[in-house]
């Protein structure tokens, strides 16, 4: 019941970003004792884990023009929780924010601000053992339209939480306010 890669929908909130995958890095910062900057090779060298999960857009079926935005995929990557533990999240942190490389200008209180697409999880949810940073989709390298080099996989949550083109993870001591 796994969907073929070419049949899985791809939605982007701010468009597919342009960047050099070879120079890509993931920064882990905020309320952490040991901030890290990891390369693609660093993350691929970590323990591998596969999770079969259903990816569904929250707008799936909202109208006749947007149907079928759902797929079952075997995602492979590295677990998030051990990485967060290594960074030593500080106790006063309550939320972990995931920032993609994709960006857009948003109007906030009548002013324009460049924003990276981002979503957050409570600290407790971020430590679930089924959440991974995926670099493979059904045994193949993750395609760019699906978030290569890495995307966050959050089983049982709608797809807008599964941040693509992941560039930064940050722990905060307050709720992350975003679009």
Protein backbone atom coordinates (compact mmCIF):
# COMPACT_ATOMS: atom_id res chain seq x y z
CA UNK A 1 0.00 0.00 0.00
CA UNK A 2 3.02 2.29 -0.42
CA UNK A 3 2.51 5.01 -3.04
CA UNK A 4 4.98 5.34 -5.90
CA UNK A 5 7.17 8.45 -5.55
CA UNK A 6 5.91 9.94 -8.80
CA UNK A 7 2.32 9.60 -7.56
CA UNK A 8 2.85 11.44 -4.26
CA UNK A 9 1.61 15.04 -4.36
CA UNK A 10 4.03 17.91 -3.72
CA UNK A 11 2.87 21.22 -2.26
CA UNK A 12 5.13 24.11 -1.33
CA UNK A 13 4.05 27.13 0.65
CA UNK A 14 6.77 29.52 -0.54
CA UNK A 15 7.95 27.76 -3.70
CA UNK A 16 10.87 25.38 -4.23
CA UNK A 17 14.00 27.22 -3.08
CA UNK A 18 17.23 27.43 -5.06
CA UNK A 19 20.34 26.40 -3.15
CA UNK A 20 23.44 24.25 -3.54
CA UNK A 21 22.74 20.90 -1.87
CA UNK A 22 26.51 20.27 -1.54
CA UNK A 23 26.83 23.38 0.68
CA UNK A 24 23.66 22.74 2.66
CA UNK A 25 23.89 22.69 6.47
CA UNK A 26 21.48 22.17 9.35
CA UNK A 27 21.86 24.50 12.31
CA UNK A 28 20.54 23.55 15.76
CA UNK A 29 20.36 26.57 18.01
CA UNK A 30 18.28 28.51 20.52
CA UNK A 31 18.01 27.31 24.10
CA UNK A 32 20.56 24.52 23.74
CA UNK A 33 23.74 23.82 25.70
CA UNK A 34 25.62 22.52 22.67
CA UNK A 35 24.61 24.24 19.39
CA UNK A 36 25.48 22.26 16.29
CA UNK A 37 25.95 22.83 12.60
CA UNK A 38 25.77 19.60 10.62
CA UNK A 39 26.49 18.88 6.99
CA UNK A 40 24.49 16.54 4.81
CA UNK A 41 27.24 13.91 5.26
CA UNK A 42 27.14 14.35 9.07
CA UNK A 43 23.42 13.61 9.18
CA UNK A 44 23.63 10.68 6.77
CA UNK A 45 26.38 9.15 8.93
CA UNK A 46 24.03 9.00 11.92
CA UNK A 47 21.80 6.02 12.79
CA UNK A 48 19.27 5.25 10.05
CA UNK A 49 15.62 4.69 10.75
CA UNK A 50 12.68 4.01 8.45
CA UNK A 51 9.10 5.01 9.18
CA UNK A 52 6.14 4.23 6.94
CA UNK A 53 3.73 7.12 7.31
CA UNK A 54 0.83 8.74 5.51
CA UNK A 55 1.49 12.23 4.18
CA UNK A 56 -1.71 14.22 3.73
CA UNK A 57 -2.21 17.89 2.93
CA UNK A 58 -4.61 19.58 5.37
CA UNK A 59 -6.44 21.02 2.34
CA UNK A 60 -7.00 17.62 0.75
CA UNK A 61 -10.58 17.42 -0.48
CA UNK A 62 -11.34 21.07 0.31
CA UNK A 63 -12.76 21.41 -3.18
CA UNK A 64 -13.03 19.57 -6.47
CA UNK A 65 -9.78 21.13 -7.72
CA UNK A 66 -7.75 19.76 -4.82
CA UNK A 67 -8.30 16.05 -4.36
CA UNK A 68 -5.86 13.18 -3.82
CA UNK A 69 -3.24 15.06 -1.78
CA UNK A 70 -2.40 11.96 0.22
CA UNK A 71 0.20 9.23 -0.06
CA UNK A 72 1.75 6.41 1.94
CA UNK A 73 5.53 6.50 1.94
CA UNK A 74 8.42 4.65 3.53
CA UNK A 75 10.63 7.52 4.75
CA UNK A 76 14.25 6.89 5.79
CA UNK A 77 16.50 9.25 7.67
CA UNK A 78 17.86 9.84 11.14
CA UNK A 79 15.80 10.10 14.32
CA UNK A 80 15.31 13.63 15.68
CA UNK A 81 15.20 12.88 19.43
CA UNK A 82 18.83 11.66 19.83
CA UNK A 83 20.06 14.74 17.99
CA UNK A 84 18.08 17.05 20.27
CA UNK A 85 19.40 15.18 23.33
CA UNK A 86 23.00 15.64 22.14
CA UNK A 87 22.41 19.38 21.83
CA UNK A 88 21.16 19.50 25.42
CA UNK A 89 17.86 21.35 25.26
CA UNK A 90 17.51 23.70 28.21
CA UNK A 91 14.71 22.98 30.69
CA UNK A 92 13.00 26.36 30.20
CA UNK A 93 12.38 25.58 26.52
CA UNK A 94 8.81 24.69 25.60
CA UNK A 95 8.74 24.58 21.82
CA UNK A 96 11.01 23.37 19.01
CA UNK A 97 10.78 25.30 15.72
CA UNK A 98 11.77 23.91 12.33
CA UNK A 99 12.74 26.42 9.61
CA UNK A 100 12.89 25.59 5.92
CA UNK A 101 15.07 27.27 3.33
CA UNK A 102 12.01 28.39 1.36
CA UNK A 103 11.06 32.02 1.93
CA UNK A 104 8.48 34.62 1.02
CA UNK A 105 7.61 38.19 1.91
CA UNK A 106 4.68 38.30 4.32
CA UNK A 107 2.74 41.38 5.37
CA UNK A 108 2.65 41.68 9.17
CA UNK A 109 0.96 44.74 10.69
CA UNK A 110 1.16 46.54 7.34
CA UNK A 111 4.92 45.98 6.93
CA UNK A 112 6.69 43.52 4.65
CA UNK A 113 8.99 40.91 6.22
CA UNK A 114 10.92 38.10 4.59
CA UNK A 115 9.90 34.85 6.30
CA UNK A 116 11.19 31.32 6.03
CA UNK A 117 8.46 28.70 6.14
CA UNK A 118 8.47 27.25 9.65
CA UNK A 119 6.37 25.09 11.93
CA UNK A 120 6.79 24.13 15.55
CA UNK A 121 6.21 21.19 17.85
CA UNK A 122 5.94 21.19 21.61
CA UNK A 123 9.09 19.97 23.28
CA UNK A 124 7.32 16.71 24.25
CA UNK A 125 6.15 16.03 20.71
CA UNK A 126 9.63 16.76 19.30
CA UNK A 127 11.02 13.84 21.33
CA UNK A 128 8.63 11.24 19.87
CA UNK A 129 10.61 8.27 18.59
CA UNK A 130 8.84 8.16 15.21
CA UNK A 131 9.91 11.66 14.13
CA UNK A 132 12.82 11.62 11.70
CA UNK A 133 14.81 13.90 9.41
CA UNK A 134 14.27 12.07 6.12
CA UNK A 135 16.65 11.91 3.17
CA UNK A 136 15.05 8.97 1.36
CA UNK A 137 11.58 8.37 0.00
CA UNK A 138 10.70 4.72 -0.70
CA UNK A 139 14.38 3.76 -0.83
CA UNK A 140 15.35 6.52 -3.29
CA UNK A 141 17.05 9.85 -2.57
CA UNK A 142 14.50 12.45 -1.51
CA UNK A 143 13.54 14.54 -4.58
CA UNK A 144 13.98 18.30 -4.36
CA UNK A 145 10.22 18.95 -4.74
CA UNK A 146 9.72 16.76 -1.66
CA UNK A 147 12.25 18.67 0.45
CA UNK A 148 15.74 17.41 -0.41
CA UNK A 149 18.17 17.28 1.13
CA UNK A 150 16.11 16.72 4.32
CA UNK A 151 12.54 17.11 5.47
CA UNK A 152 10.95 16.64 8.83
CA UNK A 153 8.62 13.63 9.08
CA UNK A 154 5.90 13.90 11.75
CA UNK A 155 3.62 10.84 11.46
CA UNK A 156 -0.11 11.39 12.19
CA UNK A 157 0.23 15.18 11.71
CA UNK A 158 -0.88 16.93 8.51
CA UNK A 159 1.79 17.60 5.89
CA UNK A 160 2.20 21.33 6.62
CA UNK A 161 4.06 20.28 9.78
CA UNK A 162 6.53 18.22 7.76
CA UNK A 163 8.91 21.11 7.02
CA UNK A 164 10.84 20.68 3.76
CA UNK A 165 14.33 21.97 2.91
CA UNK A 166 15.09 21.95 6.64
CA UNK A 167 17.85 24.43 7.50
CA UNK A 168 17.45 25.31 11.18
CA UNK A 169 16.01 23.85 14.37
CA UNK A 170 15.61 26.21 17.30
CA UNK A 171 14.30 25.69 20.84
CA UNK A 172 12.29 28.58 22.30
CA UNK A 173 10.93 29.44 25.75
CA UNK A 174 7.70 30.79 24.23
CA UNK A 175 5.18 29.81 21.58
CA UNK A 176 6.37 30.39 18.03
CA UNK A 177 4.06 32.88 16.34
CA UNK A 178 3.87 32.35 12.57
CA UNK A 179 1.43 32.49 9.74
